Amino acid sequence: MIRLPTIMVAPNGARRTRADHPALPVTMIEIVATALACHAAGAGAIHAHVRDHEGRHVLDAGLYGELIAELARAAPAMIVQITTEAAGRYCPAEQRAVVDAVAPVAVSVALREMVAGPHDEAAARRFYGACHDRDIAVQHILYEPAEVVRLGRLIAAGIIPGAGLSVLFVLGRYAAGQESDPTDLAGFLAAAAGLAVAADWMVCAFGRKETAALDAALKAGGKVRVGFENSLWHADGSLARDNAERVGAIAALCGSGAGLEKRAW
């Protein structure tokens, strides 16, 4: 099972459009070109959302397969992590189905979406177990420290495998104005310290303090996800030209971009 690299790019997300930024990649050609530029700038993986012909977020196995094939040809060293984000459109069964159909090397799954309550636990146990058996690296998306604690309980109950545990701490998603703060990280790390198994952890951060939050994560020994899904701005408040420019700014915090992939494995 793969381990995620130090820097992952999230170039578009489920909700933003070109009205938010003209360089937001929407079409397959644009997503592939953005991935290549971000890979050259220091990102070892892409958190991939695909869009339908109207530009809407979609969980489509065919489109995911096309993207994975294109990037395998153009940038074979770049990991493609697909998303199962519901975005108000998909239920857990549909989210599980796309993973089953695509069989990606990596997928992100929001804990609150896949295991909303006890009624989801039996299906979730089968899903997470199948991903483990198929060597699909699941990154658990966590929006608050309480979800880290809940993840630990689900691992203890055997619903989620503890082996190869990977998590993403999301800073600022539900804060006022979706603005994160570097101090938000402390609660997540305190909760993670109570897990029975060590997690490979990554941080993404919404808003204008993205750089500061990701810098704090790197200094604490974590990994980072950067890109237009979460923020459009540099540390000085200026609007980034494109995703590759944001990746380059974060890669500079790590030192030479050329060494990032070696650090990740």
Protein backbone atom coordinates (compact mmCIF):
# COMPACT_ATOMS: atom_id res chain seq x y z
CA MET A 1 0.00 0.00 0.00
CA ILE A 2 1.38 3.40 -0.99
CA ARG A 3 2.26 6.20 1.40
CA LEU A 4 1.32 9.69 0.38
CA PRO A 5 4.06 12.21 -0.43
CA THR A 6 4.96 15.32 1.53
CA ILE A 7 3.01 17.61 -0.79
CA MET A 8 -0.31 16.86 -2.48
CA VAL A 9 -2.13 19.32 -4.74
CA ALA A 10 -5.91 19.78 -4.61
CA PRO A 11 -6.43 21.91 -7.72
CA ASN A 12 -10.19 22.36 -8.02
CA GLY A 13 -12.44 20.70 -5.44
CA ALA A 14 -16.17 20.19 -5.77
CA ARG A 15 -17.53 23.71 -5.56
CA ARG A 16 -15.28 26.39 -7.00
CA THR A 17 -15.67 27.54 -10.60
CA ARG A 18 -13.79 29.81 -12.98
CA ALA A 19 -15.80 32.67 -11.50
CA ASP A 20 -13.64 32.16 -8.41
CA HIS A 21 -10.40 32.00 -10.42
CA PRO A 22 -9.90 31.87 -14.20
CA ALA A 23 -7.10 29.29 -13.83
CA LEU A 24 -9.24 26.76 -11.96
CA PRO A 25 -8.98 23.49 -13.95
CA VAL A 26 -12.33 22.02 -14.93
CA THR A 27 -11.91 19.96 -18.11
CA MET A 28 -9.88 16.77 -18.32
CA ILE A 29 -7.21 18.48 -20.42
CA GLU A 30 -6.94 21.30 -17.87
CA ILE A 31 -6.75 18.94 -14.90
CA VAL A 32 -3.99 16.88 -16.51
CA ALA A 33 -2.01 19.99 -17.50
CA THR A 34 -2.39 21.38 -13.97
CA ALA A 35 -1.26 18.09 -12.44
CA LEU A 36 1.88 18.07 -14.59
CA ALA A 37 2.73 21.67 -13.72
CA CYS A 38 2.18 21.00 -10.03
CA HIS A 39 4.25 17.82 -10.16
CA ALA A 40 7.12 19.84 -11.64
CA ALA A 41 6.66 22.42 -8.86
CA GLY A 42 6.98 19.80 -6.10
CA ALA A 43 3.67 17.95 -5.63
CA GLY A 44 4.01 14.17 -5.53
CA ALA A 45 0.27 13.50 -5.67
CA ILE A 46 -3.00 15.01 -6.84
CA HIS A 47 -6.26 14.95 -4.91
CA ALA A 48 -8.50 14.54 -7.91
CA HIS A 49 -12.00 15.83 -8.51
CA VAL A 50 -13.48 15.40 -11.98
CA ARG A 51 -16.32 17.44 -13.47
CA ASP A 52 -19.11 16.60 -15.89
CA HIS A 53 -19.76 18.45 -19.17
CA GLU A 54 -21.55 21.20 -17.23
CA GLY A 55 -18.62 21.65 -14.86
CA ARG A 56 -20.32 19.97 -11.90
CA HIS A 57 -18.56 17.75 -9.37
CA VAL A 58 -19.21 14.12 -10.26
CA LEU A 59 -18.24 10.70 -8.95
CA ASP A 60 -17.77 9.05 -12.33
CA ALA A 61 -15.71 5.87 -12.65
CA GLY A 62 -15.12 6.41 -16.36
CA LEU A 63 -13.77 9.94 -15.90
CA TYR A 64 -11.59 8.84 -13.01
CA GLY A 65 -10.23 6.00 -15.10
CA GLU A 66 -9.45 8.40 -17.93
CA LEU A 67 -7.60 10.77 -15.62
CA ILE A 68 -5.60 7.97 -13.99
CA ALA A 69 -4.62 6.59 -17.40
CA GLU A 70 -3.58 10.01 -18.71
CA LEU A 71 -1.43 10.74 -15.68
CA ALA A 72 0.09 7.25 -15.68
CA ARG A 73 1.32 8.03 -19.18
CA ALA A 74 2.38 11.65 -18.62
CA ALA A 75 3.58 11.59 -15.00
CA PRO A 76 3.94 7.99 -13.83
CA ALA A 77 5.56 9.00 -10.55
CA MET A 78 2.58 11.12 -9.51
CA ILE A 79 0.05 9.44 -7.22
CA VAL A 80 -3.61 9.99 -8.08
CA GLN A 81 -5.92 10.05 -5.08
CA ILE A 82 -9.58 10.11 -6.08
CA THR A 83 -12.22 11.70 -3.86
CA THR A 84 -15.54 10.32 -2.65
CA GLU A 85 -16.82 13.74 -1.55
CA ALA A 86 -20.61 13.75 -1.42
CA ALA A 87 -21.00 17.50 -2.05
CA GLY A 88 -24.71 17.10 -1.39
CA ARG A 89 -25.13 14.81 -4.41
CA TYR A 90 -24.07 11.32 -3.36
CA CYS A 91 -24.98 8.81 -0.67
CA PRO A 92 -22.50 6.39 0.99
CA ALA A 93 -23.54 3.51 -1.29
CA GLU A 94 -22.70 5.60 -4.37
CA GLN A 95 -19.42 6.69 -2.81
CA ARG A 96 -18.47 3.09 -2.10
CA ALA A 97 -19.50 2.03 -5.60
CA VAL A 98 -17.15 4.42 -7.37
CA VAL A 99 -14.20 3.18 -5.31
CA ASP A 100 -15.14 -0.41 -6.08
CA ALA A 101 -15.35 0.35 -9.81
CA VAL A 102 -12.15 2.40 -10.10
CA ALA A 103 -9.95 0.47 -7.65
CA PRO A 104 -7.58 3.44 -7.30
CA VAL A 105 -4.26 3.29 -5.48
CA ALA A 106 -5.53 6.03 -3.14
CA VAL A 107 -8.85 7.55 -2.10
CA SER A 108 -10.01 10.17 0.38
CA VAL A 109 -13.10 9.41 2.46
CA ALA A 110 -14.78 11.77 4.93
CA LEU A 111 -15.49 9.88 8.14
CA ARG A 112 -18.68 11.86 8.76
CA GLU A 113 -20.01 10.95 5.32
CA MET A 114 -19.13 7.26 5.25
CA VAL A 115 -20.02 6.48 8.89
CA ALA A 116 -22.65 9.04 9.81
CA GLY A 117 -24.02 6.81 12.55
CA PRO A 118 -24.38 3.22 13.83
CA HIS A 119 -26.68 2.36 10.91
CA ASP A 120 -23.69 2.77 8.55
CA GLU A 121 -21.23 0.65 10.47
CA ALA A 122 -21.85 -2.76 8.85
CA ALA A 123 -21.49 -1.42 5.31
CA ALA A 124 -18.52 0.70 6.35
CA ARG A 125 -16.77 -2.33 7.84
CA ARG A 126 -17.10 -4.17 4.54
CA PHE A 127 -15.96 -1.14 2.53
CA TYR A 128 -12.87 -0.33 4.58
CA GLY A 129 -11.96 -4.01 4.82
CA ALA A 130 -12.21 -4.40 1.04
CA CYS A 131 -10.02 -1.33 0.50
CA HIS A 132 -7.41 -2.79 2.84
CA ASP A 133 -7.51 -6.15 1.09
CA ARG A 134 -7.13 -4.47 -2.33
CA ASP A 135 -4.24 -2.23 -1.19
CA ILE A 136 -6.27 0.93 -1.72
CA ALA A 137 -4.80 3.62 0.52
CA VAL A 138 -7.68 5.32 2.34
CA GLN A 139 -7.07 8.80 3.72
CA HIS A 140 -9.65 9.59 6.40
CA ILE A 141 -10.90 13.18 6.19
CA LEU A 142 -11.41 14.70 9.64
CA TYR A 143 -12.91 18.15 10.22
CA GLU A 144 -12.53 18.50 13.99
CA PRO A 145 -10.54 16.88 16.81
CA ALA A 146 -13.64 15.03 18.02
CA GLU A 147 -13.62 13.10 14.77
CA VAL A 148 -10.07 11.92 15.50
CA VAL A 149 -11.35 10.46 18.76
CA ARG A 150 -14.27 8.85 16.95
CA LEU A 151 -11.91 7.36 14.36
CA GLY A 152 -9.98 5.74 17.22
CA ARG A 153 -13.18 4.18 18.55
CA LEU A 154 -14.07 2.78 15.11
CA ILE A 155 -10.57 1.30 14.80
CA ALA A 156 -10.92 -0.29 18.24
CA ALA A 157 -14.29 -1.73 17.19
CA GLY A 158 -12.76 -3.30 14.09
CA ILE A 159 -14.84 -1.21 11.69
CA ILE A 160 -11.81 0.62 10.26
CA PRO A 161 -8.42 -1.11 9.90
CA GLY A 162 -5.65 0.49 11.90
CA ALA A 163 -2.85 -0.76 9.64
CA GLY A 164 -1.44 1.95 7.39
CA LEU A 165 -3.64 4.61 8.99
CA SER A 166 -3.69 7.87 7.00
CA VAL A 167 -5.61 11.00 7.98
CA LEU A 168 -6.19 14.52 6.70
CA PHE A 169 -6.85 17.24 9.26
CA VAL A 170 -9.02 19.93 7.66
CA LEU A 171 -8.52 23.38 9.16
CA GLY A 172 -11.09 26.14 8.77
CA ARG A 173 -13.80 24.39 6.72
CA TYR A 174 -16.50 25.27 9.23
CA ALA A 175 -14.89 28.37 10.71
CA ALA A 176 -16.35 31.85 10.19
CA GLY A 177 -15.74 32.82 6.57
CA GLN A 178 -13.91 29.51 6.07
CA GLU A 179 -10.71 31.06 7.42
CA SER A 180 -8.26 28.70 9.12
CA ASP A 181 -5.66 29.54 11.72
CA PRO A 182 -2.37 27.71 12.40
CA THR A 183 -3.39 27.28 16.05
CA ASP A 184 -6.26 25.03 14.87
CA LEU A 185 -3.72 22.24 14.40
CA ALA A 186 -2.98 21.80 18.11
CA GLY A 187 -6.34 20.20 18.92
CA PHE A 188 -5.99 17.66 16.12
CA LEU A 189 -2.49 16.67 17.22
CA ALA A 190 -3.58 16.32 20.83
CA ALA A 191 -6.42 14.03 19.79
CA ALA A 192 -4.15 12.02 17.48
CA ALA A 193 -1.74 11.43 20.35
CA GLY A 194 -4.46 9.33 21.95
CA LEU A 195 -4.83 6.96 19.00
CA ALA A 196 -3.71 3.38 19.60
CA VAL A 197 -1.91 3.39 16.23
CA ALA A 198 0.34 6.06 14.75
CA ALA A 199 -1.20 7.92 11.82
CA ASP A 200 0.48 9.25 8.71
CA TRP A 201 -1.04 12.73 8.90
CA MET A 202 -1.59 15.54 6.45
CA VAL A 203 -3.13 19.00 6.76
CA CYS A 204 -5.15 21.20 4.42
CA ALA A 205 -6.27 24.70 5.38
CA PHE A 206 -8.92 27.05 4.07
CA GLY A 207 -8.50 30.75 3.44
CA ARG A 208 -5.76 33.32 3.51
CA LYS A 209 -3.73 31.67 6.28
CA GLU A 210 -3.21 28.47 4.29
CA THR A 211 0.55 29.02 3.98
CA ALA A 212 1.01 29.67 7.69
CA ALA A 213 -1.08 26.63 8.62
CA LEU A 214 0.80 24.34 6.23
CA ASP A 215 4.12 25.69 7.46
CA ALA A 216 3.07 24.80 11.01
CA ALA A 217 2.14 21.29 9.87
CA LEU A 218 5.47 20.75 8.14
CA LYS A 219 7.37 21.97 11.19
CA ALA A 220 5.39 19.54 13.35
CA GLY A 221 6.39 16.63 11.10
CA GLY A 222 3.26 16.37 8.99
CA LYS A 223 2.45 16.42 5.30
CA VAL A 224 0.43 19.03 3.44
CA ARG A 225 -2.25 19.45 0.81
CA VAL A 226 -2.28 22.75 -1.08
CA GLY A 227 -4.30 24.16 -3.93
CA PHE A 228 -7.32 26.06 -5.15
CA GLU A 229 -9.79 23.65 -3.53
CA ASN A 230 -8.89 25.24 -0.20
CA SER A 231 -7.24 28.59 -0.91
CA LEU A 232 -6.43 30.95 -3.77
CA TRP A 233 -4.00 33.19 -1.85
CA HIS A 234 -0.33 33.50 -1.06
CA ALA A 235 0.97 34.34 2.41
CA ASP A 236 1.08 38.06 1.59
CA GLY A 237 -2.60 38.07 0.65
CA SER A 238 -2.02 38.26 -3.10
CA LEU A 239 -4.02 36.06 -5.46
CA ALA A 240 -1.99 33.13 -6.82
CA ARG A 241 -1.56 32.93 -10.58
CA ASP A 242 -2.34 29.19 -10.61
CA ASN A 243 -2.08 25.99 -8.60
CA ALA A 244 1.55 25.39 -9.56
CA GLU A 245 2.50 28.74 -8.06
CA ARG A 246 0.86 27.73 -4.78
CA VAL A 247 2.64 24.37 -4.82
CA GLY A 248 5.95 26.12 -5.47
CA ALA A 249 5.40 28.43 -2.51
CA ILE A 250 4.83 25.47 -0.18
CA ALA A 251 7.68 23.46 -1.70
CA ALA A 252 9.95 26.39 -0.86
CA LEU A 253 9.10 25.85 2.82
CA CYS A 254 10.44 22.30 2.52
CA GLY A 255 13.65 23.26 0.72
CA SER A 256 14.46 21.97 -2.75
CA GLY A 257 11.41 20.65 -4.59
CA ALA A 258 13.60 17.95 -6.17
CA GLY A 259 13.94 16.21 -2.82
CA LEU A 260 10.28 16.07 -1.87
CA GLU A 261 9.37 12.72 -3.37
CA LYS A 262 12.40 11.03 -1.82
CA ARG A 263 11.27 12.36 1.58
CA ALA A 264 7.81 10.89 1.08
CA TRP A 265 8.68 7.23 0.71
